[in-house]
Protein backbone atom coordinates (compact mmCIF):
# COMPACT_ATOMS: atom_id res chain seq x y z
CA MET A 1 -5.09 -1.92 -13.52
CA ARG A 2 -4.02 -4.71 -15.69
CA VAL A 3 -2.39 -7.78 -14.51
CA GLY A 4 -0.59 -9.81 -17.25
CA SER A 5 2.73 -11.23 -18.81
CA SER A 6 5.89 -9.37 -18.68
CA SER A 7 9.34 -9.55 -20.26
CA ALA A 8 11.83 -12.00 -18.87
CA GLY A 9 13.83 -9.17 -17.39
CA ALA A 10 10.95 -7.66 -15.59
CA ILE A 11 9.90 -11.17 -14.27
CA GLN A 12 13.25 -11.80 -12.93
CA ARG A 13 13.38 -8.35 -11.13
CA VAL A 14 9.86 -8.92 -9.61
CA SER A 15 10.77 -12.56 -8.58
CA ARG A 16 13.92 -11.30 -6.80
CA LEU A 17 11.87 -8.51 -4.91
CA LEU A 18 8.69 -10.44 -4.34
CA PRO A 19 10.03 -12.42 -1.19
CA LEU A 20 11.37 -9.26 0.28
CA ALA A 21 7.96 -7.42 -0.31
CA VAL A 22 5.99 -10.24 1.10
CA GLY A 23 8.16 -10.63 4.15
CA PHE A 24 8.01 -6.86 4.79
CA LEU A 25 4.20 -6.81 4.34
CA PHE A 26 3.32 -9.44 6.57
CA CYS A 27 5.69 -8.35 9.45
CA ALA A 28 5.04 -4.81 9.10
CA VAL A 29 1.49 -3.59 9.54
CA ILE A 30 -1.45 -3.32 11.89
CA VAL A 31 -3.78 -0.44 12.37
CA GLU A 32 -6.11 0.02 15.25
CA ALA A 33 -9.80 -1.09 14.42
CA ASN A 34 -11.19 2.21 15.14
CA GLY A 35 -9.14 3.74 12.29
CA GLN A 36 -7.18 6.15 14.48
CA ASN A 37 -3.28 6.44 14.27
CA ALA A 38 -1.64 3.54 16.02
CA ARG A 39 1.48 4.26 18.07
CA ALA A 40 4.66 2.47 17.25
CA THR A 41 6.33 0.51 20.04
CA PRO A 42 9.95 0.13 18.65
CA SER A 43 12.88 -1.17 20.76
CA ALA A 44 15.59 1.30 21.56
CA GLN A 45 17.54 0.65 18.42
CA ASN A 46 14.58 0.63 15.94
CA HIS A 47 12.71 3.39 14.21
CA PRO A 48 8.91 3.52 13.74
CA VAL A 49 7.83 1.91 10.68
CA MET A 50 5.28 4.08 8.78
CA VAL A 51 2.42 3.25 6.54
CA THR A 52 0.60 5.80 4.27
CA ARG A 53 -3.07 5.34 4.67
CA LEU A 54 -5.80 6.27 2.13
CA TYR A 55 -9.22 6.37 3.78
CA THR A 56 -12.68 7.82 3.62
CA GLY A 57 -13.23 10.24 6.29
CA ALA A 58 -16.45 11.15 8.30
CA ASP A 59 -17.02 13.81 5.54
CA GLY A 60 -17.51 11.16 2.80
CA GLN A 61 -14.11 12.43 1.04
CA SER A 62 -10.87 10.47 0.56
CA HIS A 63 -7.87 11.49 2.74
CA ILE A 64 -4.28 10.52 3.31
CA ASP A 65 -2.47 10.18 6.67
CA LYS A 66 0.42 8.33 8.20
CA VAL A 67 0.05 5.55 10.76
CA SER A 68 2.67 3.78 12.73
CA VAL A 69 3.09 0.02 12.90
CA VAL A 70 2.54 -1.57 16.36
CA PHE A 71 5.06 -4.16 17.13
CA HIS A 72 5.26 -6.71 19.88
CA GLY A 73 7.79 -9.09 21.33
CA ALA A 74 11.44 -8.84 21.91
CA PRO A 75 14.12 -9.39 20.49
CA ASP A 76 12.42 -10.16 17.40
CA GLU A 77 9.43 -7.70 16.99
CA VAL A 78 6.23 -8.59 14.83
CA SER A 79 3.07 -6.85 14.16
CA ALA A 80 -0.30 -8.48 14.61
CA ALA A 81 -1.36 -11.04 11.81
CA VAL A 82 -3.91 -9.95 9.28
CA LYS A 83 -6.31 -12.40 7.53
CA THR A 84 -6.06 -12.02 3.77
CA SER A 85 -8.17 -13.28 0.93
CA SER A 86 -5.69 -12.86 -2.14
CA ALA A 87 -2.42 -11.53 -3.18
CA TYR A 88 -1.44 -10.62 -6.77
CA LEU A 89 0.89 -8.35 -8.82
CA ALA A 90 -0.44 -5.39 -10.72
CA ARG A 91 1.18 -3.11 -13.17
CA GLY A 92 0.47 0.06 -14.97
CA ALA A 93 2.18 1.32 -18.05
CA PRO A 94 3.79 4.92 -18.16
CA GLY A 95 1.14 7.59 -18.17
CA MET A 96 -1.71 5.21 -17.34
CA PHE A 97 -4.46 7.25 -15.53
CA GLU A 98 -7.53 5.85 -13.61
CA THR A 99 -10.39 8.52 -13.04
CA TRP A 100 -12.18 8.72 -9.66
CA HIS A 101 -12.80 5.30 -7.87
CA ASP A 102 -12.76 3.95 -4.55
CA THR A 103 -10.52 0.87 -3.66
CA GLY A 104 -13.40 -1.68 -3.52
CA ARG A 105 -11.77 -3.52 -0.68
CA LYS A 106 -9.38 -2.89 2.08
CA ARG A 107 -5.78 -3.85 1.03
CA TYR A 108 -2.08 -3.26 1.36
CA ILE A 109 -0.04 -2.25 -1.54
CA VAL A 110 3.84 -2.68 -1.68
CA VAL A 111 5.32 -0.91 -4.60
CA ILE A 112 8.18 -2.89 -6.20
CA SER A 113 9.09 -0.62 -9.05
CA GLY A 114 8.12 2.57 -10.81
CA GLU A 115 6.25 5.65 -9.39
CA ALA A 116 2.73 6.66 -9.33
CA GLU A 117 0.50 9.19 -7.79
CA VAL A 118 -2.82 9.21 -6.05
CA THR A 119 -5.02 12.34 -5.69
CA THR A 120 -7.62 12.50 -3.23
CA THR A 121 -11.09 14.49 -3.30
CA ASP A 122 -9.56 17.26 -1.23
CA GLY A 123 -6.66 17.53 -3.72
CA GLU A 124 -4.08 15.91 -1.31
CA ARG A 125 -1.35 13.94 -3.36
CA VAL A 126 0.84 11.17 -2.46
CA ARG A 127 3.53 9.41 -4.54
CA LEU A 128 3.54 5.50 -4.60
CA VAL A 129 7.20 4.81 -4.75
CA PRO A 130 9.42 1.54 -4.55
CA GLY A 131 9.83 -0.02 -0.99
CA SER A 132 6.86 1.88 0.38
CA LEU A 133 3.80 0.36 2.16
CA TYR A 134 0.28 1.56 1.73
CA LEU A 135 -3.10 0.83 3.26
CA THR A 136 -6.18 1.55 1.21
CA GLU A 137 -9.43 2.12 2.98
CA ASP A 138 -11.25 4.60 0.80
CA LEU A 139 -14.22 2.13 0.34
CA THR A 140 -16.97 4.75 -0.32
CA GLY A 141 -17.58 8.03 -1.80
CA LYS A 142 -15.78 9.63 -4.88
CA GLY A 143 -12.51 7.94 -4.03
CA HIS A 144 -9.25 8.87 -5.57
CA THR A 145 -7.55 9.23 -9.00
CA PHE A 146 -4.34 7.19 -9.88
CA ARG A 147 -1.63 8.05 -12.37
CA VAL A 148 1.61 6.35 -13.33
CA LEU A 149 4.40 8.80 -13.33
CA GLY A 150 7.71 8.89 -15.44
CA ASN A 151 8.63 6.50 -18.19
CA GLN A 152 8.76 3.22 -16.34
CA GLU A 153 5.94 0.72 -15.78
CA TRP A 154 4.59 0.80 -12.11
CA VAL A 155 4.45 -2.61 -10.43
CA ALA A 156 3.20 -3.53 -7.04
CA LEU A 157 2.02 -6.28 -4.82
CA PHE A 158 -1.69 -6.03 -3.82
CA VAL A 159 -2.69 -7.91 -0.74
CA ASP A 160 -6.44 -7.97 -0.10
CA PHE A 161 -7.97 -8.28 3.40
CA ALA A 162 -10.23 -11.02 4.02
CA PRO A 163 -14.01 -9.73 4.18
């Protein structure tokens, strides 16, 4: 996926959404170290926050599941902190397609605009849509494909975990 310059309008849209996306990202996600689904602990008025997880299973194939964010504290709930190594914006042009690949490193993806689709080795598909949070952990095996849908470019914030 190419990271590059953009038109002034696109930069303004991204700059307005970036603080929201970063704030959501760093307050939203923790997954149990053993890779099992975590359980949400929301207060009475809050709903669980779900993360779509792309991972390599014991069978060596890529799979998709949903995990709940674990929050702690009251009245302001926060997730556990995650050490990161880099954060950057990525974009893909309408119709862009990447053939089979793994993610290379564990990361969060927060979609800002556009729509894309990931297909796993078992044929399962997930749409990557604005406002959604994804955790990519398919680090081995054949991986997944990626396609930008529609006629709008896809823009997302990528946050790589520290090694």
